[in-house]
């Protein structure tokens, strides 16, 4: 979950039940994302993809995790790293040996 820059909290002149409910919901979803990231879970990563980006501005050092890693005969592609900034930048596979 990305944290909204404008969470649209109810404003009615004070602390109301609807504000409490909305804050509770926001806190639960933020806690779930933070806990997922701490545990290394892919569901908490919002830049995971099945291939490197082909559009958008990216910067050297940006990393995209592979959402669907498979054994490719001796290695697994864990993601892609941007080695040259640009639109979309130059991307290289990050591999992990399986043998």
N, C-alpha and C. Protein backbone atom coordinates (compact mmCIF):
# COMPACT_ATOMS: atom_id res chain seq x y z
N UNK A 1 0.84 -1.17 0.00
CA UNK A 1 0.00 0.00 0.00
C UNK A 1 0.88 1.23 0.00
N UNK A 2 0.60 2.14 -0.87
CA UNK A 2 1.27 3.43 -0.83
C UNK A 2 0.47 4.33 0.09
N UNK A 3 1.17 5.13 0.86
CA UNK A 3 0.49 6.06 1.75
C UNK A 3 0.06 7.28 0.95
N UNK A 4 -1.21 7.57 1.00
CA UNK A 4 -1.76 8.69 0.25
C UNK A 4 -1.27 10.02 0.82
N UNK A 5 -0.92 10.94 -0.06
CA UNK A 5 -0.52 12.28 0.39
C UNK A 5 -1.75 13.05 0.87
N UNK A 6 -2.94 12.60 0.47
CA UNK A 6 -4.19 13.23 0.88
C UNK A 6 -5.18 12.13 1.26
N UNK A 7 -5.14 11.66 2.52
CA UNK A 7 -5.96 10.51 2.91
C UNK A 7 -7.46 10.78 2.99
N UNK A 8 -7.88 12.02 2.77
CA UNK A 8 -9.31 12.37 2.78
C UNK A 8 -10.00 11.97 4.08
N UNK A 9 -9.42 12.45 5.17
CA UNK A 9 -10.02 12.18 6.47
C UNK A 9 -11.27 13.02 6.64
N UNK A 10 -12.28 12.47 7.32
CA UNK A 10 -13.51 13.26 7.53
C UNK A 10 -13.23 14.44 8.46
N UNK A 11 -13.69 15.61 8.06
CA UNK A 11 -13.50 16.81 8.87
C UNK A 11 -14.88 17.34 9.23
N UNK A 12 -15.19 17.25 10.51
CA UNK A 12 -16.49 17.75 10.94
C UNK A 12 -16.39 18.50 12.26
N UNK A 13 -15.26 19.16 12.45
CA UNK A 13 -15.11 20.03 13.61
C UNK A 13 -14.63 19.35 14.88
N UNK A 14 -14.18 18.12 14.83
CA UNK A 14 -13.71 17.45 16.03
C UNK A 14 -13.44 15.98 15.79
N UNK A 15 -13.20 15.27 16.87
CA UNK A 15 -12.97 13.83 16.77
C UNK A 15 -14.34 13.16 16.70
N UNK A 16 -14.61 12.53 15.59
CA UNK A 16 -15.91 11.89 15.41
C UNK A 16 -15.70 10.39 15.21
N UNK A 17 -16.77 9.61 15.34
CA UNK A 17 -16.65 8.17 15.09
C UNK A 17 -16.13 7.88 13.68
N UNK A 18 -16.55 8.65 12.68
CA UNK A 18 -16.10 8.40 11.31
C UNK A 18 -14.60 8.68 11.16
N UNK A 19 -14.09 9.68 11.86
CA UNK A 19 -12.65 9.96 11.83
C UNK A 19 -11.90 8.82 12.51
N UNK A 20 -12.40 8.35 13.64
CA UNK A 20 -11.76 7.23 14.34
C UNK A 20 -11.71 5.99 13.46
N UNK A 21 -12.78 5.69 12.77
CA UNK A 21 -12.84 4.51 11.91
C UNK A 21 -11.84 4.65 10.76
N UNK A 22 -11.80 5.83 10.13
CA UNK A 22 -10.89 6.04 9.00
C UNK A 22 -9.44 5.96 9.46
N UNK A 23 -9.10 6.54 10.60
CA UNK A 23 -7.74 6.45 11.13
C UNK A 23 -7.37 5.01 11.45
N UNK A 24 -8.30 4.27 12.02
CA UNK A 24 -8.08 2.86 12.33
C UNK A 24 -7.78 2.08 11.05
N UNK A 25 -8.57 2.29 10.00
CA UNK A 25 -8.36 1.60 8.73
C UNK A 25 -7.00 1.96 8.12
N UNK A 26 -6.65 3.24 8.14
CA UNK A 26 -5.36 3.67 7.61
C UNK A 26 -4.21 3.03 8.38
N UNK A 27 -4.29 3.05 9.71
CA UNK A 27 -3.23 2.47 10.53
C UNK A 27 -3.08 0.98 10.26
N UNK A 28 -4.20 0.25 10.15
CA UNK A 28 -4.13 -1.19 9.87
C UNK A 28 -3.45 -1.47 8.54
N UNK A 29 -3.79 -0.71 7.51
CA UNK A 29 -3.19 -0.98 6.20
C UNK A 29 -1.72 -0.58 6.17
N UNK A 30 -1.35 0.49 6.84
CA UNK A 30 0.05 0.88 6.92
C UNK A 30 0.84 -0.16 7.70
N UNK A 31 0.30 -0.64 8.81
CA UNK A 31 0.97 -1.65 9.62
C UNK A 31 1.16 -2.94 8.82
N UNK A 32 0.17 -3.33 8.03
CA UNK A 32 0.29 -4.55 7.22
C UNK A 32 1.41 -4.40 6.19
N UNK A 33 1.51 -3.23 5.56
CA UNK A 33 2.58 -3.01 4.58
C UNK A 33 3.96 -2.99 5.24
N UNK A 34 4.08 -2.29 6.34
CA UNK A 34 5.37 -2.21 7.04
C UNK A 34 5.79 -3.60 7.51
N UNK A 35 4.86 -4.37 8.07
CA UNK A 35 5.19 -5.71 8.53
C UNK A 35 5.57 -6.61 7.36
N UNK A 36 4.86 -6.49 6.24
CA UNK A 36 5.20 -7.26 5.06
C UNK A 36 6.58 -6.93 4.54
N UNK A 37 6.93 -5.66 4.51
CA UNK A 37 8.27 -5.26 4.08
C UNK A 37 9.33 -5.81 5.03
N UNK A 38 9.07 -5.73 6.32
CA UNK A 38 10.03 -6.23 7.30
C UNK A 38 10.25 -7.73 7.16
N UNK A 39 9.23 -8.45 6.71
CA UNK A 39 9.32 -9.89 6.54
C UNK A 39 9.78 -10.28 5.13
N UNK A 40 10.02 -9.29 4.26
CA UNK A 40 10.49 -9.57 2.90
C UNK A 40 9.42 -10.10 1.98
N UNK A 41 8.18 -9.83 2.26
CA UNK A 41 7.08 -10.37 1.45
C UNK A 41 6.85 -9.53 0.19
N UNK A 42 6.70 -10.22 -0.94
CA UNK A 42 6.51 -9.56 -2.22
C UNK A 42 5.21 -8.76 -2.26
N UNK A 43 4.18 -9.19 -1.50
CA UNK A 43 2.91 -8.47 -1.51
C UNK A 43 3.04 -7.06 -0.96
N UNK A 44 4.11 -6.77 -0.24
CA UNK A 44 4.31 -5.43 0.32
C UNK A 44 5.14 -4.55 -0.59
N UNK A 45 5.60 -5.09 -1.72
CA UNK A 45 6.46 -4.35 -2.64
C UNK A 45 5.62 -3.86 -3.80
N UNK A 46 5.64 -2.56 -4.04
CA UNK A 46 4.80 -1.99 -5.09
C UNK A 46 5.54 -1.74 -6.39
N UNK A 47 6.82 -2.05 -6.42
CA UNK A 47 7.54 -1.88 -7.69
C UNK A 47 7.97 -3.23 -8.24
N UNK A 48 7.37 -4.31 -7.79
CA UNK A 48 7.68 -5.63 -8.34
C UNK A 48 7.01 -5.76 -9.70
N UNK A 49 7.69 -6.44 -10.63
CA UNK A 49 7.16 -6.59 -11.98
C UNK A 49 7.66 -7.91 -12.57
N UNK A 50 7.22 -8.22 -13.77
CA UNK A 50 7.65 -9.44 -14.43
C UNK A 50 8.71 -9.17 -15.49
N UNK A 51 9.06 -7.89 -15.68
CA UNK A 51 10.11 -7.50 -16.62
C UNK A 51 10.59 -6.09 -16.25
N UNK A 52 11.75 -5.69 -16.75
CA UNK A 52 12.23 -4.35 -16.43
C UNK A 52 11.32 -3.29 -17.07
N UNK A 53 11.30 -2.09 -16.51
CA UNK A 53 10.45 -1.02 -17.04
C UNK A 53 10.80 -0.65 -18.48
N UNK A 54 9.79 -0.28 -19.24
CA UNK A 54 9.99 0.20 -20.60
C UNK A 54 9.53 1.64 -20.76
N UNK A 55 8.97 2.21 -19.69
CA UNK A 55 8.52 3.60 -19.71
C UNK A 55 8.85 4.24 -18.37
N UNK A 56 8.76 5.55 -18.32
CA UNK A 56 8.95 6.28 -17.07
C UNK A 56 10.39 6.66 -16.82
N UNK A 57 10.57 7.64 -15.96
CA UNK A 57 11.89 8.14 -15.59
C UNK A 57 12.44 7.28 -14.45
N UNK A 58 13.67 6.79 -14.62
CA UNK A 58 14.31 5.96 -13.59
C UNK A 58 15.74 6.44 -13.40
N UNK A 59 16.27 6.15 -12.24
CA UNK A 59 17.59 6.64 -11.86
C UNK A 59 18.54 5.49 -11.55
N UNK A 60 19.81 5.73 -11.81
CA UNK A 60 20.83 4.72 -11.54
C UNK A 60 20.69 4.25 -10.09
N UNK A 61 20.64 2.94 -9.92
CA UNK A 61 20.49 2.36 -8.58
C UNK A 61 19.07 1.91 -8.27
N UNK A 62 18.07 2.38 -9.06
CA UNK A 62 16.70 1.90 -8.85
C UNK A 62 16.67 0.38 -9.04
N UNK A 63 15.85 -0.29 -8.26
CA UNK A 63 15.77 -1.75 -8.33
C UNK A 63 14.31 -2.17 -8.42
N UNK A 64 14.01 -3.07 -9.34
CA UNK A 64 12.68 -3.64 -9.51
C UNK A 64 12.77 -5.12 -9.19
N UNK A 65 11.99 -5.59 -8.21
CA UNK A 65 11.99 -7.02 -7.87
C UNK A 65 11.18 -7.80 -8.90
N UNK A 66 11.62 -9.03 -9.15
CA UNK A 66 10.92 -9.93 -10.06
C UNK A 66 9.76 -10.58 -9.31
N UNK A 67 8.55 -10.32 -9.76
CA UNK A 67 7.36 -10.85 -9.11
C UNK A 67 7.16 -12.33 -9.39
N UNK A 68 7.75 -12.85 -10.48
CA UNK A 68 7.54 -14.25 -10.85
C UNK A 68 8.87 -14.95 -11.15
N UNK A 69 9.73 -15.10 -10.13
CA UNK A 69 11.02 -15.75 -10.37
C UNK A 69 10.85 -17.24 -10.64
N UNK A 70 11.63 -17.75 -11.60
CA UNK A 70 11.63 -19.17 -11.92
C UNK A 70 13.07 -19.61 -12.16
N UNK A 71 13.32 -20.90 -11.98
CA UNK A 71 14.66 -21.43 -12.25
C UNK A 71 14.85 -21.45 -13.76
N UNK A 72 15.85 -20.73 -14.23
CA UNK A 72 16.12 -20.61 -15.67
C UNK A 72 17.32 -21.46 -16.06
N UNK A 73 17.49 -22.60 -15.41
CA UNK A 73 18.59 -23.50 -15.75
C UNK A 73 19.90 -23.05 -15.13
N UNK A 74 19.94 -22.99 -13.84
CA UNK A 74 21.17 -22.64 -13.14
C UNK A 74 21.14 -21.28 -12.47
N UNK A 75 20.12 -20.50 -12.74
CA UNK A 75 20.01 -19.20 -12.08
C UNK A 75 18.54 -18.76 -12.00
N UNK A 76 18.30 -17.81 -11.12
CA UNK A 76 16.99 -17.19 -10.98
C UNK A 76 17.20 -15.69 -11.15
N UNK A 77 16.35 -15.05 -11.94
CA UNK A 77 16.39 -13.59 -12.06
C UNK A 77 15.61 -13.04 -10.86
N UNK A 78 16.33 -12.39 -9.94
CA UNK A 78 15.68 -11.85 -8.73
C UNK A 78 15.10 -10.46 -8.97
N UNK A 79 15.56 -9.79 -10.03
CA UNK A 79 15.07 -8.46 -10.34
C UNK A 79 15.96 -7.79 -11.37
N UNK A 80 15.79 -6.49 -11.49
CA UNK A 80 16.56 -5.70 -12.44
C UNK A 80 17.04 -4.42 -11.78
N UNK A 81 18.26 -4.00 -12.10
CA UNK A 81 18.82 -2.78 -11.54
C UNK A 81 19.10 -1.80 -12.67
N UNK A 82 18.80 -0.54 -12.41
CA UNK A 82 19.04 0.51 -13.39
C UNK A 82 20.51 0.92 -13.28
N UNK A 83 21.26 0.76 -14.38
CA UNK A 83 22.68 1.09 -14.37
C UNK A 83 22.97 2.43 -15.03
N UNK A 84 21.97 3.00 -15.70
CA UNK A 84 22.11 4.32 -16.31
C UNK A 84 20.76 5.02 -16.27
N UNK A 85 20.73 6.19 -15.65
CA UNK A 85 19.49 6.95 -15.52
C UNK A 85 18.92 7.30 -16.88
N UNK A 86 17.61 7.43 -16.96
CA UNK A 86 16.97 7.84 -18.20
C UNK A 86 15.51 7.45 -18.22
N UNK A 87 14.95 7.57 -19.42
CA UNK A 87 13.55 7.23 -19.59
C UNK A 87 13.45 6.16 -20.67
N UNK A 88 13.45 4.90 -20.37
CA UNK A 88 13.26 4.28 -19.06
C UNK A 88 14.55 3.98 -18.30
N UNK A 89 15.71 4.35 -18.82
CA UNK A 89 16.98 3.99 -18.20
C UNK A 89 17.50 2.69 -18.78
N UNK A 90 18.71 2.30 -18.39
CA UNK A 90 19.31 1.04 -18.85
C UNK A 90 19.25 0.05 -17.70
N UNK A 91 18.63 -1.10 -17.95
CA UNK A 91 18.37 -2.10 -16.91
C UNK A 91 19.18 -3.36 -17.16
N UNK A 92 19.70 -3.96 -16.10
CA UNK A 92 20.43 -5.22 -16.16
C UNK A 92 19.81 -6.20 -15.18
N UNK A 93 19.79 -7.49 -15.57
CA UNK A 93 19.26 -8.53 -14.69
C UNK A 93 20.14 -8.71 -13.47
N UNK A 94 19.52 -8.97 -12.34
CA UNK A 94 20.22 -9.40 -11.14
C UNK A 94 19.89 -10.88 -10.99
N UNK A 95 20.93 -11.71 -11.01
CA UNK A 95 20.72 -13.15 -10.99
C UNK A 95 21.28 -13.77 -9.72
N UNK A 96 20.68 -14.90 -9.37
CA UNK A 96 21.12 -15.69 -8.22
C UNK A 96 21.32 -17.12 -8.72
N UNK A 97 22.52 -17.67 -8.50
CA UNK A 97 22.79 -19.03 -8.95
C UNK A 97 22.01 -20.05 -8.14
N UNK A 98 21.57 -21.11 -8.82
CA UNK A 98 20.80 -22.16 -8.14
C UNK A 98 21.57 -23.45 -8.03
N UNK A 99 22.80 -23.48 -8.54
CA UNK A 99 23.61 -24.70 -8.47
C UNK A 99 24.85 -24.45 -7.66
